[in-house]
């Protein structure tokens, strides 16, 4: 399915991916060094996601599950 990661500031698209889940889309964005600064990731289930090297400055992670990420 097509997943769009949007900015929480203005709803602009930060990254788009064909993925099975938001977690997979975020990992794809990180691997390609996409700028996720300001991303709206509220409530995202990112348990165990590989976020090494991610730029999440200004991202809204309210309620996100980052256990083991």
C-alpha atoms as a PDB file:
ATOM      1  CA  UNK A   1       0.000   0.000   0.000  1.00  0.00           C
ATOM      2  CA  UNK A   2       1.083   3.590  -0.548  1.00  0.00           C
ATOM      3  CA  UNK A   3       2.142   5.278   2.686  1.00  0.00           C
ATOM      4  CA  UNK A   4       2.845   8.990   2.940  1.00  0.00           C
ATOM      5  CA  UNK A   5       4.772  10.431   5.854  1.00  0.00           C
ATOM      6  CA  UNK A   6       3.658  14.028   6.247  1.00  0.00           C
ATOM      7  CA  UNK A   7       4.951  17.066   8.080  1.00  0.00           C
ATOM      8  CA  UNK A   8       3.072  17.916  11.256  1.00  0.00           C
ATOM      9  CA  UNK A   9       3.722  21.596  10.508  1.00  0.00           C
ATOM     10  CA  UNK A  10       1.976  21.957   7.145  1.00  0.00           C
ATOM     11  CA  UNK A  11       0.919  18.431   6.046  1.00  0.00           C
ATOM     12  CA  UNK A  12       3.389  18.442   3.145  1.00  0.00           C
ATOM     13  CA  UNK A  13       4.624  15.003   2.118  1.00  0.00           C
ATOM     14  CA  UNK A  14       8.084  14.231   3.558  1.00  0.00           C
ATOM     15  CA  UNK A  15       8.364  10.676   2.175  1.00  0.00           C
ATOM     16  CA  UNK A  16       6.254   8.245   0.153  1.00  0.00           C
ATOM     17  CA  UNK A  17       6.707   4.479  -0.009  1.00  0.00           C
ATOM     18  CA  UNK A  18       4.981   1.295  -1.075  1.00  0.00           C
ATOM     19  CA  UNK A  19       5.103  -0.632   2.196  1.00  0.00           C
ATOM     20  CA  UNK A  20       3.056  -2.971   4.372  1.00  0.00           C
ATOM     21  CA  UNK A  21       3.215  -0.689   7.421  1.00  0.00           C
ATOM     22  CA  UNK A  22       4.249   2.745   8.612  1.00  0.00           C
ATOM     23  CA  UNK A  23       7.148   1.112  10.473  1.00  0.00           C
ATOM     24  CA  UNK A  24       8.521  -0.343   7.217  1.00  0.00           C
ATOM     25  CA  UNK A  25       8.017   3.003   5.448  1.00  0.00           C
ATOM     26  CA  UNK A  26       9.932   4.840   8.194  1.00  0.00           C
ATOM     27  CA  UNK A  27      12.777   2.312   7.990  1.00  0.00           C
ATOM     28  CA  UNK A  28      12.883   2.789   4.202  1.00  0.00           C
ATOM     29  CA  UNK A  29      13.024   6.570   4.688  1.00  0.00           C
ATOM     30  CA  UNK A  30      15.895   6.199   7.157  1.00  0.00           C
ATOM     31  CA  UNK A  31      17.847   3.869   4.823  1.00  0.00           C
ATOM     32  CA  UNK A  32      17.532   6.364   1.964  1.00  0.00           C
ATOM     33  CA  UNK A  33      18.468   9.230   4.283  1.00  0.00           C
ATOM     34  CA  UNK A  34      15.164  11.021   3.721  1.00  0.00           C
ATOM     35  CA  UNK A  35      14.685  14.090   5.911  1.00  0.00           C
ATOM     36  CA  UNK A  36      12.032  13.166   8.453  1.00  0.00           C
ATOM     37  CA  UNK A  37      12.492  16.376  10.431  1.00  0.00           C
ATOM     38  CA  UNK A  38       9.061  17.619  11.434  1.00  0.00           C
ATOM     39  CA  UNK A  39       7.381  14.348  10.429  1.00  0.00           C
ATOM     40  CA  UNK A  40       3.983  13.533  11.899  1.00  0.00           C
ATOM     41  CA  UNK A  41       4.559  10.158  13.543  1.00  0.00           C
ATOM     42  CA  UNK A  42       1.981  10.536  16.316  1.00  0.00           C
ATOM     43  CA  UNK A  43       0.839   7.176  17.617  1.00  0.00           C
ATOM     44  CA  UNK A  44       3.134   5.256  15.254  1.00  0.00           C
ATOM     45  CA  UNK A  45       4.058   1.710  16.234  1.00  0.00           C
ATOM     46  CA  UNK A  46       7.805   1.752  15.609  1.00  0.00           C
ATOM     47  CA  UNK A  47       8.692  -1.060  18.009  1.00  0.00           C
ATOM     48  CA  UNK A  48      12.024  -2.563  17.014  1.00  0.00           C
ATOM     49  CA  UNK A  49      12.463  -0.204  14.035  1.00  0.00           C
ATOM     50  CA  UNK A  50      16.010   0.513  12.913  1.00  0.00           C
ATOM     51  CA  UNK A  51      16.221   4.288  13.269  1.00  0.00           C
ATOM     52  CA  UNK A  52      20.015   4.512  13.304  1.00  0.00           C
ATOM     53  CA  UNK A  53      21.036   7.751  11.598  1.00  0.00           C
ATOM     54  CA  UNK A  54      17.479   9.096  11.397  1.00  0.00           C
ATOM     55  CA  UNK A  55      16.956  12.860  11.555  1.00  0.00           C
ATOM     56  CA  UNK A  56      13.736  13.168  13.534  1.00  0.00           C
ATOM     57  CA  UNK A  57      14.361  16.721  14.748  1.00  0.00           C
ATOM     58  CA  UNK A  58      11.037  18.447  15.259  1.00  0.00           C
ATOM     59  CA  UNK A  59       9.095  15.246  14.516  1.00  0.00           C
ATOM     60  CA  UNK A  60       5.868  14.733  16.448  1.00  0.00           C
ATOM     61  CA  UNK A  61       6.285  11.369  18.185  1.00  0.00           C
ATOM     62  CA  UNK A  62       3.474  11.850  20.705  1.00  0.00           C
ATOM     63  CA  UNK A  63       2.082   8.458  21.673  1.00  0.00           C
ATOM     64  CA  UNK A  64       4.516   6.635  19.379  1.00  0.00           C
ATOM     65  CA  UNK A  65       5.820   3.263  20.562  1.00  0.00           C
ATOM     66  CA  UNK A  66       9.607   3.334  20.201  1.00  0.00           C
ATOM     67  CA  UNK A  67      10.376   0.333  22.415  1.00  0.00           C
ATOM     68  CA  UNK A  68      13.488  -1.419  21.123  1.00  0.00           C
ATOM     69  CA  UNK A  69      13.914   1.068  18.259  1.00  0.00           C
END
